């Protein structure tokens, strides 16, 4: 069942806030440029690689653009209360894995 626009925006903003906190906690070396505003989270690495996570109100999805995983579209699973791909991969888990891999490369 589709969410109301208000519910979708509330859930998407909460997810973006959690992801921002997760990324800030991962950034122990203070390498990342992190900006969140207007339904969008951007994460810039010193190498120029960039992650963009944003909410898409018309499709009720969160889209992730990752230098490693490419463009992905996540739907909200109301039963599990998480954002997932059709294959079951979670937004937070996938972002964390991609970011950890790139941060390791940046620090070598």
C-alpha atoms as a PDB file:
ATOM      1  CA  UNK A   1       0.000   0.000   0.000  1.00  0.00           C
ATOM      2  CA  UNK A   2       1.296   3.440  -0.876  1.00  0.00           C
ATOM      3  CA  UNK A   3       2.175   5.814   1.914  1.00  0.00           C
ATOM      4  CA  UNK A   4       0.639   9.239   2.152  1.00  0.00           C
ATOM      5  CA  UNK A   5       2.998  11.951   0.922  1.00  0.00           C
ATOM      6  CA  UNK A   6       3.323  13.252   4.495  1.00  0.00           C
ATOM      7  CA  UNK A   7       4.217   9.798   5.845  1.00  0.00           C
ATOM      8  CA  UNK A   8       6.675   9.202   3.029  1.00  0.00           C
ATOM      9  CA  UNK A   9       8.458  12.526   3.620  1.00  0.00           C
ATOM     10  CA  UNK A  10       8.581  11.867   7.389  1.00  0.00           C
ATOM     11  CA  UNK A  11      10.051   8.375   6.878  1.00  0.00           C
ATOM     12  CA  UNK A  12      12.494   9.537   4.207  1.00  0.00           C
ATOM     13  CA  UNK A  13      13.725  12.473   6.332  1.00  0.00           C
ATOM     14  CA  UNK A  14      14.184  10.158   9.330  1.00  0.00           C
ATOM     15  CA  UNK A  15      16.213   7.785   7.140  1.00  0.00           C
ATOM     16  CA  UNK A  16      18.372  10.633   5.807  1.00  0.00           C
ATOM     17  CA  UNK A  17      18.969  11.863   9.376  1.00  0.00           C
ATOM     18  CA  UNK A  18      20.016   8.354  10.495  1.00  0.00           C
ATOM     19  CA  UNK A  19      22.302   7.954   7.468  1.00  0.00           C
ATOM     20  CA  UNK A  20      23.882  11.356   8.146  1.00  0.00           C
ATOM     21  CA  UNK A  21      24.606  10.304  11.724  1.00  0.00           C
ATOM     22  CA  UNK A  22      26.015   6.951  10.592  1.00  0.00           C
ATOM     23  CA  UNK A  23      28.305   8.610   8.015  1.00  0.00           C
ATOM     24  CA  UNK A  24      29.486  11.241  10.505  1.00  0.00           C
ATOM     25  CA  UNK A  25      30.329   8.463  12.989  1.00  0.00           C
ATOM     26  CA  UNK A  26      32.281   6.581  10.294  1.00  0.00           C
ATOM     27  CA  UNK A  27      34.284   9.697   9.355  1.00  0.00           C
ATOM     28  CA  UNK A  28      36.888   9.334  12.125  1.00  0.00           C
ATOM     29  CA  UNK A  29      39.613  11.003  10.041  1.00  0.00           C
ATOM     30  CA  UNK A  30      37.338  13.935   9.105  1.00  0.00           C
ATOM     31  CA  UNK A  31      37.868  13.231   5.401  1.00  0.00           C
ATOM     32  CA  UNK A  32      34.288  13.566   4.215  1.00  0.00           C
ATOM     33  CA  UNK A  33      32.285  16.608   3.214  1.00  0.00           C
ATOM     34  CA  UNK A  34      28.744  15.795   4.379  1.00  0.00           C
ATOM     35  CA  UNK A  35      25.747  17.979   3.565  1.00  0.00           C
ATOM     36  CA  UNK A  36      22.076  17.305   4.144  1.00  0.00           C
ATOM     37  CA  UNK A  37      19.309  19.620   2.979  1.00  0.00           C
ATOM     38  CA  UNK A  38      15.931  19.568   1.251  1.00  0.00           C
ATOM     39  CA  UNK A  39      15.555  15.793   1.133  1.00  0.00           C
ATOM     40  CA  UNK A  40      19.071  15.191  -0.146  1.00  0.00           C
ATOM     41  CA  UNK A  41      22.281  13.936   1.468  1.00  0.00           C
ATOM     42  CA  UNK A  42      25.584  14.374  -0.347  1.00  0.00           C
ATOM     43  CA  UNK A  43      28.855  12.829   0.762  1.00  0.00           C
ATOM     44  CA  UNK A  44      32.039  13.973  -0.958  1.00  0.00           C
ATOM     45  CA  UNK A  45      35.350  12.138  -0.626  1.00  0.00           C
ATOM     46  CA  UNK A  46      38.744  13.841  -1.032  1.00  0.00           C
ATOM     47  CA  UNK A  47      39.233  11.936  -4.320  1.00  0.00           C
ATOM     48  CA  UNK A  48      36.213  13.729  -5.782  1.00  0.00           C
ATOM     49  CA  UNK A  49      33.974  10.650  -5.621  1.00  0.00           C
ATOM     50  CA  UNK A  50      30.486  11.467  -4.430  1.00  0.00           C
ATOM     51  CA  UNK A  51      27.471   9.714  -2.956  1.00  0.00           C
ATOM     52  CA  UNK A  52      24.049  11.299  -3.393  1.00  0.00           C
ATOM     53  CA  UNK A  53      21.035   9.996  -1.490  1.00  0.00           C
ATOM     54  CA  UNK A  54      17.717  11.693  -2.088  1.00  0.00           C
ATOM     55  CA  UNK A  55      14.015  11.168  -1.651  1.00  0.00           C
ATOM     56  CA  UNK A  56      11.785  10.856  -4.688  1.00  0.00           C
ATOM     57  CA  UNK A  57       8.268  11.887  -3.719  1.00  0.00           C
ATOM     58  CA  UNK A  58       6.524  10.812  -6.991  1.00  0.00           C
ATOM     59  CA  UNK A  59       7.841   7.226  -6.740  1.00  0.00           C
ATOM     60  CA  UNK A  60       8.029   7.128  -2.913  1.00  0.00           C
ATOM     61  CA  UNK A  61      11.593   5.870  -3.089  1.00  0.00           C
ATOM     62  CA  UNK A  62      14.994   6.847  -1.797  1.00  0.00           C
ATOM     63  CA  UNK A  63      17.555   6.915  -4.573  1.00  0.00           C
ATOM     64  CA  UNK A  64      21.235   6.270  -3.972  1.00  0.00           C
ATOM     65  CA  UNK A  65      23.945   7.230  -6.418  1.00  0.00           C
ATOM     66  CA  UNK A  66      27.148   5.467  -5.370  1.00  0.00           C
ATOM     67  CA  UNK A  67      30.588   5.495  -7.044  1.00  0.00           C
ATOM     68  CA  UNK A  68      30.703   1.720  -6.437  1.00  0.00           C
ATOM     69  CA  UNK A  69      27.136   0.449  -6.711  1.00  0.00           C
ATOM     70  CA  UNK A  70      25.801   2.943  -9.253  1.00  0.00           C
ATOM     71  CA  UNK A  71      22.227   4.195  -9.155  1.00  0.00           C
ATOM     72  CA  UNK A  72      19.836   2.266  -6.931  1.00  0.00           C
ATOM     73  CA  UNK A  73      16.218   2.806  -5.923  1.00  0.00           C
ATOM     74  CA  UNK A  74      15.050   1.767  -2.458  1.00  0.00           C
ATOM     75  CA  UNK A  75      11.459   1.140  -1.392  1.00  0.00           C
ATOM     76  CA  UNK A  76      10.147   1.323   2.150  1.00  0.00           C
ATOM     77  CA  UNK A  77       9.306  -2.058   3.674  1.00  0.00           C
ATOM     78  CA  UNK A  78       6.493  -1.301   6.119  1.00  0.00           C
ATOM     79  CA  UNK A  79       6.776  -4.701   7.828  1.00  0.00           C
ATOM     80  CA  UNK A  80      10.524  -4.434   8.466  1.00  0.00           C
ATOM     81  CA  UNK A  81      10.534  -0.604   8.788  1.00  0.00           C
ATOM     82  CA  UNK A  82      13.597  -0.334   6.504  1.00  0.00           C
ATOM     83  CA  UNK A  83      14.507   0.934   3.029  1.00  0.00           C
ATOM     84  CA  UNK A  84      15.371  -1.998   0.759  1.00  0.00           C
ATOM     85  CA  UNK A  85      16.053  -2.967  -2.830  1.00  0.00           C
ATOM     86  CA  UNK A  86      13.850  -5.545  -4.527  1.00  0.00           C
ATOM     87  CA  UNK A  87      16.598  -8.138  -3.839  1.00  0.00           C
ATOM     88  CA  UNK A  88      16.448  -7.392  -0.099  1.00  0.00           C
ATOM     89  CA  UNK A  89      19.657  -5.371   0.276  1.00  0.00           C
ATOM     90  CA  UNK A  90      19.254  -2.576   2.815  1.00  0.00           C
ATOM     91  CA  UNK A  91      20.061   1.078   2.107  1.00  0.00           C
ATOM     92  CA  UNK A  92      22.041   1.599   5.317  1.00  0.00           C
ATOM     93  CA  UNK A  93      24.056  -1.624   4.929  1.00  0.00           C
ATOM     94  CA  UNK A  94      24.898  -0.975   1.284  1.00  0.00           C
ATOM     95  CA  UNK A  95      25.904   2.656   1.882  1.00  0.00           C
ATOM     96  CA  UNK A  96      28.088   1.653   4.842  1.00  0.00           C
ATOM     97  CA  UNK A  97      29.855  -1.098   2.857  1.00  0.00           C
ATOM     98  CA  UNK A  98      30.526   1.156  -0.164  1.00  0.00           C
ATOM     99  CA  UNK A  99      31.708   4.017   2.023  1.00  0.00           C
ATOM    100  CA  UNK A 100      34.002   1.801   4.117  1.00  0.00           C
ATOM    101  CA  UNK A 101      35.617   0.417   0.954  1.00  0.00           C
ATOM    102  CA  UNK A 102      36.212   3.898  -0.478  1.00  0.00           C
ATOM    103  CA  UNK A 103      37.430   5.335   2.840  1.00  0.00           C
ATOM    104  CA  UNK A 104      39.954   2.498   3.084  1.00  0.00           C
ATOM    105  CA  UNK A 105      41.216   3.401  -0.409  1.00  0.00           C
ATOM    106  CA  UNK A 106      41.431   7.114   0.516  1.00  0.00           C
ATOM    107  CA  UNK A 107      43.607   6.324   3.533  1.00  0.00           C
ATOM    108  CA  UNK A 108      46.115   4.086   1.731  1.00  0.00           C
END
